[in-house]
């Protein structure tokens, strides 16, 4: 779950809890004033004053996410337990209702909101167990009170965790939809212009003949490759909802390129559509570099591995390798094909791109997580 989703849900829950604290405080004040059944009145009213002061402090402190520390929640629970323990001495051994009464719900729900169902269960057991231990008699009404405490704490905690999970999934879906729409828009803006130039070069090369004809043929190949990429991205971003794309099938299609051999698992490798599209684009950029620097139709191998929570793609050739210092010169001169088309794309996906090059050839190792929160 994302930190943003967790904090957003916590903020709303603690705002609601602030109002609940005021309600149960008012209830405790009215009952203690009405009953006024303290064997030690000074101690009794000191306990009531402590409830008022701590309620105000807790509301103000829990309102700031940075202040929701373990120390605060432990103190919250300790004060509730302390008031329960003090009840037999302040009211007398044969008391009926505790001094705080339902006021202890503030500490119980704070633990549930902050620490989920486990925190809610822990606080419920501590408070319910304390309530049971301080009573000489334990009747059916007391049992029902403790039972609701032990039941309510983990249930509220579980609901809070569910809300945080749903908020995280909503945020991720919104980010993916926005990113997919932006990629589609940029693809049309950039690629349409490139396609027009490539089409023009192809036509003019055929008209001029000679070396220009070969240049036109290469431009035509690149135009078709770009159009295929755009169509595949359009299919990926057109689908809405929690759909996935089969990366294995998409990479297998690259085997239609001259000299390229692709090895993929026997079954589908499911990824988020935009992740699959970016991985295919990265592999395509690697293969373009093979054609450009090793030779048209040079042998290249693409291997896809499904590692469970991430995928690994290897792109290898048997060319002469990249001369030392060539990449630095390319970056210095503004040619950012490797740093942006390959490394930049993989980095944006939260993965790593490792380059190994030498006299025996060049190999890219691309590792990308299947899902990002």
Protein backbone atom coordinates (compact mmCIF):
# COMPACT_ATOMS: atom_id res chain seq x y z
CA UNK A 1 0.00 0.00 0.00
CA UNK A 2 1.17 3.52 -0.72
CA UNK A 3 1.98 5.87 2.14
CA UNK A 4 -0.35 8.44 0.64
CA UNK A 5 -3.35 6.08 0.77
CA UNK A 6 -2.58 4.96 4.33
CA UNK A 7 -2.27 8.51 5.64
CA UNK A 8 -5.40 9.70 3.78
CA UNK A 9 -7.57 6.97 5.31
CA UNK A 10 -6.02 7.46 8.76
CA UNK A 11 -6.70 11.21 8.61
CA UNK A 12 -10.40 10.67 7.90
CA UNK A 13 -10.72 7.99 10.58
CA UNK A 14 -8.99 10.08 13.25
CA UNK A 15 -11.22 13.06 12.41
CA UNK A 16 -14.25 10.83 12.97
CA UNK A 17 -12.66 9.43 16.14
CA UNK A 18 -12.20 12.97 17.47
CA UNK A 19 -15.97 13.50 17.42
CA UNK A 20 -16.52 10.09 18.99
CA UNK A 21 -14.12 10.98 21.81
CA UNK A 22 -16.17 14.08 22.57
CA UNK A 23 -19.41 12.11 22.60
CA UNK A 24 -18.15 9.38 24.96
CA UNK A 25 -16.49 12.02 27.17
CA UNK A 26 -19.80 13.87 27.50
CA UNK A 27 -21.51 10.57 28.33
CA UNK A 28 -18.93 9.77 31.02
CA UNK A 29 -19.21 13.27 32.55
CA UNK A 30 -23.00 13.15 32.74
CA UNK A 31 -23.04 9.67 34.31
CA UNK A 32 -20.38 10.50 36.91
CA UNK A 33 -22.08 13.77 37.85
CA UNK A 34 -25.48 12.07 38.05
CA UNK A 35 -24.31 9.09 40.09
CA UNK A 36 -21.70 10.87 42.23
CA UNK A 37 -20.94 7.52 43.91
CA UNK A 38 -17.28 7.99 44.80
CA UNK A 39 -15.88 6.61 48.06
CA UNK A 40 -12.98 9.01 47.46
CA UNK A 41 -14.52 12.09 45.77
CA UNK A 42 -11.27 14.00 45.32
CA UNK A 43 -9.66 11.09 43.52
CA UNK A 44 -12.83 10.51 41.54
CA UNK A 45 -13.04 14.05 40.22
CA UNK A 46 -9.29 14.00 39.52
CA UNK A 47 -9.91 10.97 37.29
CA UNK A 48 -12.72 12.82 35.51
CA UNK A 49 -10.46 15.87 35.02
CA UNK A 50 -7.77 13.60 33.59
CA UNK A 51 -10.28 12.28 31.06
CA UNK A 52 -11.14 15.83 29.97
CA UNK A 53 -7.51 16.92 29.64
CA UNK A 54 -6.40 13.78 27.83
CA UNK A 55 -9.34 13.93 25.40
CA UNK A 56 -8.36 17.45 24.36
CA UNK A 57 -4.69 16.48 24.05
CA UNK A 58 -5.42 13.28 22.11
CA UNK A 59 -7.69 15.03 19.60
CA UNK A 60 -5.08 17.71 18.91
CA UNK A 61 -2.15 15.28 18.74
CA UNK A 62 -3.74 12.55 16.60
CA UNK A 63 -4.73 15.24 14.09
CA UNK A 64 -1.08 15.43 12.89
CA UNK A 65 0.19 12.26 11.14
CA UNK A 66 3.77 12.88 12.29
CA UNK A 67 2.65 12.80 15.95
CA UNK A 68 0.90 9.42 15.75
CA UNK A 69 3.80 7.65 17.41
CA UNK A 70 3.98 4.44 19.41
CA UNK A 71 4.55 6.53 22.53
CA UNK A 72 1.24 8.32 22.00
CA UNK A 73 -0.82 5.19 21.42
CA UNK A 74 0.77 3.40 24.37
CA UNK A 75 0.05 6.39 26.62
CA UNK A 76 -3.53 6.49 25.32
CA UNK A 77 -4.06 2.83 26.19
CA UNK A 78 -2.22 3.12 29.52
CA UNK A 79 -4.45 5.98 30.71
CA UNK A 80 -7.59 4.00 29.81
CA UNK A 81 -6.24 0.95 31.69
CA UNK A 82 -5.20 3.12 34.64
CA UNK A 83 -8.69 4.59 35.00
CA UNK A 84 -10.18 1.09 34.95
CA UNK A 85 -7.73 -0.12 37.61
CA UNK A 86 -8.42 2.92 39.79
CA UNK A 87 -12.19 2.33 39.77
CA UNK A 88 -12.42 -0.27 42.63
CA UNK A 89 -10.49 2.01 45.00
CA UNK A 90 -12.19 5.27 43.97
CA UNK A 91 -15.75 3.90 43.85
CA UNK A 92 -15.51 1.00 46.26
CA UNK A 93 -15.08 -2.70 45.78
CA UNK A 94 -18.72 -3.31 44.87
CA UNK A 95 -18.90 -0.76 42.09
CA UNK A 96 -21.15 -1.39 39.10
CA UNK A 97 -19.91 0.94 36.33
CA UNK A 98 -16.30 1.94 35.83
CA UNK A 99 -15.19 5.58 35.95
CA UNK A 100 -14.37 5.91 32.23
CA UNK A 101 -17.19 3.69 30.95
CA UNK A 102 -17.40 3.90 27.19
CA UNK A 103 -14.65 6.56 27.18
CA UNK A 104 -12.08 3.76 26.72
CA UNK A 105 -13.37 3.38 23.15
CA UNK A 106 -11.12 6.29 22.17
CA UNK A 107 -7.95 4.33 22.95
CA UNK A 108 -9.37 1.09 21.55
CA UNK A 109 -10.27 2.59 18.16
CA UNK A 110 -7.04 4.61 17.97
CA UNK A 111 -5.10 1.34 18.11
CA UNK A 112 -7.39 -0.22 15.50
CA UNK A 113 -6.99 2.72 13.11
CA UNK A 114 -3.23 3.02 13.61
CA UNK A 115 -2.25 -0.66 13.65
CA UNK A 116 -5.07 -2.49 11.87
CA UNK A 117 -6.89 -5.54 13.14
CA UNK A 118 -3.88 -6.78 15.12
CA UNK A 119 -3.62 -3.50 17.01
CA UNK A 120 -7.37 -3.47 17.58
CA UNK A 121 -7.29 -7.01 18.92
CA UNK A 122 -4.36 -6.25 21.26
CA UNK A 123 -6.02 -3.16 22.72
CA UNK A 124 -9.35 -4.99 23.04
CA UNK A 125 -7.79 -7.90 24.94
CA UNK A 126 -5.93 -5.53 27.29
CA UNK A 127 -9.00 -3.40 28.03
CA UNK A 128 -11.44 -6.30 28.19
CA UNK A 129 -9.10 -8.35 30.36
CA UNK A 130 -8.55 -5.41 32.73
CA UNK A 131 -12.29 -4.83 33.04
CA UNK A 132 -12.78 -8.48 33.93
CA UNK A 133 -9.97 -8.59 36.51
CA UNK A 134 -11.08 -5.54 38.50
CA UNK A 135 -14.59 -6.91 39.14
CA UNK A 136 -15.43 -9.08 42.10
CA UNK A 137 -18.64 -10.14 40.38
CA UNK A 138 -18.94 -10.72 36.65
CA UNK A 139 -22.55 -10.91 35.48
CA UNK A 140 -24.11 -11.30 32.04
CA UNK A 141 -24.13 -7.56 31.40
CA UNK A 142 -20.41 -7.28 32.13
CA UNK A 143 -19.75 -10.23 29.84
CA UNK A 144 -21.63 -8.57 26.97
CA UNK A 145 -19.66 -5.36 27.46
CA UNK A 146 -16.30 -7.14 27.33
CA UNK A 147 -17.40 -9.32 24.40
CA UNK A 148 -18.29 -6.25 22.31
CA UNK A 149 -14.94 -4.66 23.12
CA UNK A 150 -12.98 -7.75 22.06
CA UNK A 151 -15.10 -8.13 18.93
CA UNK A 152 -15.18 -4.47 17.90
CA UNK A 153 -11.46 -3.70 18.03
CA UNK A 154 -10.25 -6.16 15.37
CA UNK A 155 -13.31 -5.59 13.17
CA UNK A 156 -12.69 -1.83 13.01
CA UNK A 157 -8.99 -2.48 12.37
CA UNK A 158 -9.79 -4.87 9.53
CA UNK A 159 -12.16 -2.35 7.94
CA UNK A 160 -9.52 0.37 8.12
CA UNK A 161 -6.96 -1.89 6.44
CA UNK A 162 -9.49 -2.70 3.71
CA UNK A 163 -10.16 0.99 3.11
CA UNK A 164 -6.44 1.67 2.87
CA UNK A 165 -6.00 -1.16 0.37
CA UNK A 166 -8.86 0.11 -1.79
CA UNK A 167 -7.52 3.67 -1.66
CA UNK A 168 -4.09 2.43 -2.73
CA UNK A 169 -5.54 0.46 -5.64
CA UNK A 170 -7.60 3.48 -6.71
CA UNK A 171 -4.54 5.75 -6.66
CA UNK A 172 -2.53 3.24 -8.68
CA UNK A 173 -5.32 2.84 -11.25
CA UNK A 174 -5.61 6.61 -11.64
CA UNK A 175 -1.85 6.98 -12.13
CA UNK A 176 -1.75 4.17 -14.68
CA UNK A 177 -4.70 5.59 -16.62
CA UNK A 178 -3.16 9.06 -16.70
CA UNK A 179 0.24 7.70 -17.73
CA UNK A 180 -1.30 5.53 -20.46
CA UNK A 181 -3.29 8.44 -21.88
CA UNK A 182 -0.22 10.69 -21.88
CA UNK A 183 1.91 8.04 -23.57
CA UNK A 184 -0.71 7.60 -26.27
CA UNK A 185 -0.88 11.37 -26.84
CA UNK A 186 2.90 11.76 -27.02
CA UNK A 187 3.20 8.73 -29.27
CA UNK A 188 0.90 10.36 -31.80
CA UNK A 189 2.55 13.76 -31.56
CA UNK A 190 6.08 12.41 -31.95
CA UNK A 191 5.63 9.31 -34.02
CA UNK A 192 3.23 10.79 -36.54
CA UNK A 193 5.84 13.36 -37.49
CA UNK A 194 8.55 10.71 -37.73
CA UNK A 195 6.32 8.46 -39.82
CA UNK A 196 5.65 11.25 -42.30
CA UNK A 197 9.39 11.88 -42.72
CA UNK A 198 10.14 8.17 -43.12
CA UNK A 199 7.40 7.81 -45.71
CA UNK A 200 8.80 10.78 -47.63
CA UNK A 201 12.34 9.32 -47.52
CA UNK A 202 11.01 5.98 -48.74
CA UNK A 203 9.24 7.56 -51.74
CA UNK A 204 12.10 9.86 -52.69
CA UNK A 205 14.66 7.06 -52.33
CA UNK A 206 12.71 4.86 -54.73
CA UNK A 207 12.48 7.76 -57.20
CA UNK A 208 16.21 8.63 -57.02
CA UNK A 209 17.52 5.03 -57.15
CA UNK A 210 21.09 3.97 -56.36
CA UNK A 211 22.21 4.38 -52.76
CA UNK A 212 19.15 6.52 -52.09
CA UNK A 213 16.95 3.53 -52.92
CA UNK A 214 18.63 1.48 -50.17
CA UNK A 215 18.14 4.37 -47.76
CA UNK A 216 14.49 4.48 -48.76
CA UNK A 217 14.14 0.75 -48.12
CA UNK A 218 15.58 1.15 -44.61
CA UNK A 219 13.22 4.06 -43.97
CA UNK A 220 10.30 1.88 -45.05
CA UNK A 221 11.33 -0.87 -42.63
CA UNK A 222 11.48 1.63 -39.78
CA UNK A 223 8.12 3.10 -40.73
CA UNK A 224 6.47 -0.31 -40.59
CA UNK A 225 8.13 -1.07 -37.25
CA UNK A 226 6.91 2.22 -35.79
CA UNK A 227 3.37 1.69 -37.04
CA UNK A 228 3.32 -1.78 -35.50
CA UNK A 229 4.51 -0.35 -32.18
CA UNK A 230 1.86 2.39 -32.20
CA UNK A 231 -0.91 -0.09 -32.98
CA UNK A 232 0.23 -2.39 -30.16
CA UNK A 233 0.30 0.52 -27.69
CA UNK A 234 -3.14 1.65 -28.80
CA UNK A 235 -4.51 -1.82 -28.10
CA UNK A 236 -2.90 -1.84 -24.68
CA UNK A 237 -4.13 1.58 -23.55
CA UNK A 238 -7.62 1.21 -25.06
CA UNK A 239 -8.61 -1.44 -22.51
CA UNK A 240 -9.88 -0.07 -19.21
CA UNK A 241 -10.05 -1.77 -15.83
CA UNK A 242 -7.76 -4.34 -14.23
CA UNK A 243 -6.74 -6.00 -17.54
CA UNK A 244 -3.29 -7.41 -18.24
CA UNK A 245 -1.13 -7.97 -21.30
CA UNK A 246 0.81 -11.09 -22.25
CA UNK A 247 4.45 -10.02 -22.47
CA UNK A 248 5.51 -13.41 -23.81
CA UNK A 249 3.26 -13.10 -26.86
CA UNK A 250 4.33 -9.49 -27.48
CA UNK A 251 8.04 -10.38 -27.38
CA UNK A 252 7.51 -13.48 -29.51
CA UNK A 253 6.24 -11.20 -32.29
CA UNK A 254 9.69 -9.59 -32.41
CA UNK A 255 11.01 -12.89 -33.70
CA UNK A 256 9.65 -11.90 -37.12
CA UNK A 257 12.59 -9.52 -37.46
CA UNK A 258 15.45 -10.86 -39.61
CA UNK A 259 18.10 -12.60 -37.53
CA UNK A 260 16.17 -12.38 -34.24
CA UNK A 261 15.42 -15.47 -32.16
CA UNK A 262 13.05 -15.19 -29.18
CA UNK A 263 12.71 -17.70 -26.32
CA UNK A 264 9.77 -17.25 -23.93
CA UNK A 265 8.05 -19.43 -21.29
CA UNK A 266 5.41 -21.89 -22.47
CA UNK A 267 2.57 -19.99 -20.79
CA UNK A 268 1.55 -16.32 -20.73
CA UNK A 269 3.51 -13.78 -18.67
CA UNK A 270 0.95 -11.29 -17.42
CA UNK A 271 1.88 -7.67 -16.76
CA UNK A 272 0.05 -4.37 -16.52
CA UNK A 273 -0.55 -3.16 -20.09
CA UNK A 274 1.67 -0.09 -19.85
CA UNK A 275 4.52 -2.13 -18.29
CA UNK A 276 4.34 -4.70 -21.09
CA UNK A 277 4.32 -1.95 -23.73
CA UNK A 278 7.40 -0.30 -22.21
CA UNK A 279 9.32 -3.58 -21.96
CA UNK A 280 8.56 -4.36 -25.63
CA UNK A 281 9.72 -0.85 -26.56
CA UNK A 282 12.98 -1.33 -24.65
CA UNK A 283 13.68 -4.68 -26.32
CA UNK A 284 12.86 -3.10 -29.68
CA UNK A 285 15.37 -0.33 -29.00
CA UNK A 286 18.03 -2.93 -28.15
CA UNK A 287 17.37 -4.78 -31.40
CA UNK A 288 17.48 -1.51 -33.36
CA UNK A 289 20.96 -0.91 -31.93
CA UNK A 290 22.01 -4.37 -33.12
CA UNK A 291 20.88 -3.56 -36.68
CA UNK A 292 22.52 -0.16 -36.56
CA UNK A 293 25.89 -1.10 -35.10
CA UNK A 294 26.37 -4.81 -35.91
CA UNK A 295 24.62 -4.98 -39.25
CA UNK A 296 21.23 -5.31 -40.90
CA UNK A 297 19.78 -8.72 -40.06
CA UNK A 298 22.60 -9.54 -37.61
CA UNK A 299 21.89 -12.43 -35.24
CA UNK A 300 20.32 -11.46 -31.92
CA UNK A 301 18.72 -13.46 -29.14
CA UNK A 302 15.91 -12.42 -26.77
CA UNK A 303 15.24 -14.52 -23.65
CA UNK A 304 12.32 -13.91 -21.26
CA UNK A 305 12.23 -15.41 -17.73
CA UNK A 306 9.29 -15.20 -15.32
CA UNK A 307 10.77 -14.90 -11.80
CA UNK A 308 7.48 -14.67 -9.92
CA UNK A 309 7.36 -11.10 -8.63
CA UNK A 310 9.50 -9.77 -11.48
CA UNK A 311 10.51 -10.56 -15.05
CA UNK A 312 13.97 -10.71 -16.60
CA UNK A 313 14.71 -10.13 -20.29
CA UNK A 314 18.07 -10.74 -21.92
CA UNK A 315 18.93 -9.25 -25.33
CA UNK A 316 22.24 -10.52 -26.74
CA UNK A 317 24.23 -10.24 -29.97
CA UNK A 318 27.60 -11.47 -31.22
CA UNK A 319 28.88 -8.16 -32.53
CA UNK A 320 32.23 -6.50 -31.79
CA UNK A 321 30.91 -4.84 -28.63
CA UNK A 322 30.72 -1.18 -27.70
CA UNK A 323 34.12 0.60 -27.73
CA UNK A 324 35.21 2.01 -24.40
CA UNK A 325 34.10 5.61 -23.94
CA UNK A 326 31.54 5.47 -26.77
CA UNK A 327 28.54 5.77 -24.44
CA UNK A 328 30.03 8.76 -22.66
CA UNK A 329 30.69 10.49 -25.97
CA UNK A 330 27.11 9.80 -27.08
CA UNK A 331 25.68 11.37 -23.94
CA UNK A 332 27.99 14.37 -24.21
CA UNK A 333 26.89 14.99 -27.79
CA UNK A 334 23.20 14.73 -26.91
CA UNK A 335 22.57 11.25 -28.36
CA UNK A 336 20.49 9.72 -25.58
CA UNK A 337 19.27 6.51 -27.22
CA UNK A 338 20.67 4.17 -24.58
CA UNK A 339 20.29 6.42 -21.55
CA UNK A 340 16.65 7.27 -22.33
CA UNK A 341 15.17 4.66 -24.70
CA UNK A 342 16.60 1.76 -22.70
CA UNK A 343 17.89 2.75 -19.25
CA UNK A 344 15.38 5.55 -18.75
CA UNK A 345 12.36 3.41 -19.60
CA UNK A 346 13.47 0.57 -17.32
CA UNK A 347 14.26 2.99 -14.50
CA UNK A 348 10.77 4.52 -14.77
CA UNK A 349 9.32 1.03 -14.32
CA UNK A 350 11.29 0.56 -11.11
CA UNK A 351 13.69 -1.94 -12.68
CA UNK A 352 17.35 -2.21 -13.61
CA UNK A 353 19.17 -2.38 -16.95
CA UNK A 354 22.65 -3.92 -16.91
CA UNK A 355 24.93 -3.71 -19.94
CA UNK A 356 27.72 -6.21 -20.57
CA UNK A 357 29.85 -5.63 -23.65
CA UNK A 358 33.12 -6.94 -25.05
CA UNK A 359 34.77 -8.60 -28.01
CA UNK A 360 32.30 -11.51 -27.80
CA UNK A 361 29.26 -9.28 -28.17
CA UNK A 362 26.83 -7.15 -26.19
CA UNK A 363 24.12 -8.22 -23.74
CA UNK A 364 21.43 -6.27 -21.96
CA UNK A 365 19.93 -7.73 -18.75
CA UNK A 366 16.59 -6.07 -18.02
CA UNK A 367 14.84 -6.81 -14.70
CA UNK A 368 11.42 -5.24 -14.09
CA UNK A 369 8.96 -5.80 -11.19
CA UNK A 370 5.58 -7.13 -12.25
CA UNK A 371 3.64 -4.67 -10.15
CA UNK A 372 4.37 -1.34 -8.50
CA UNK A 373 2.33 0.23 -5.80
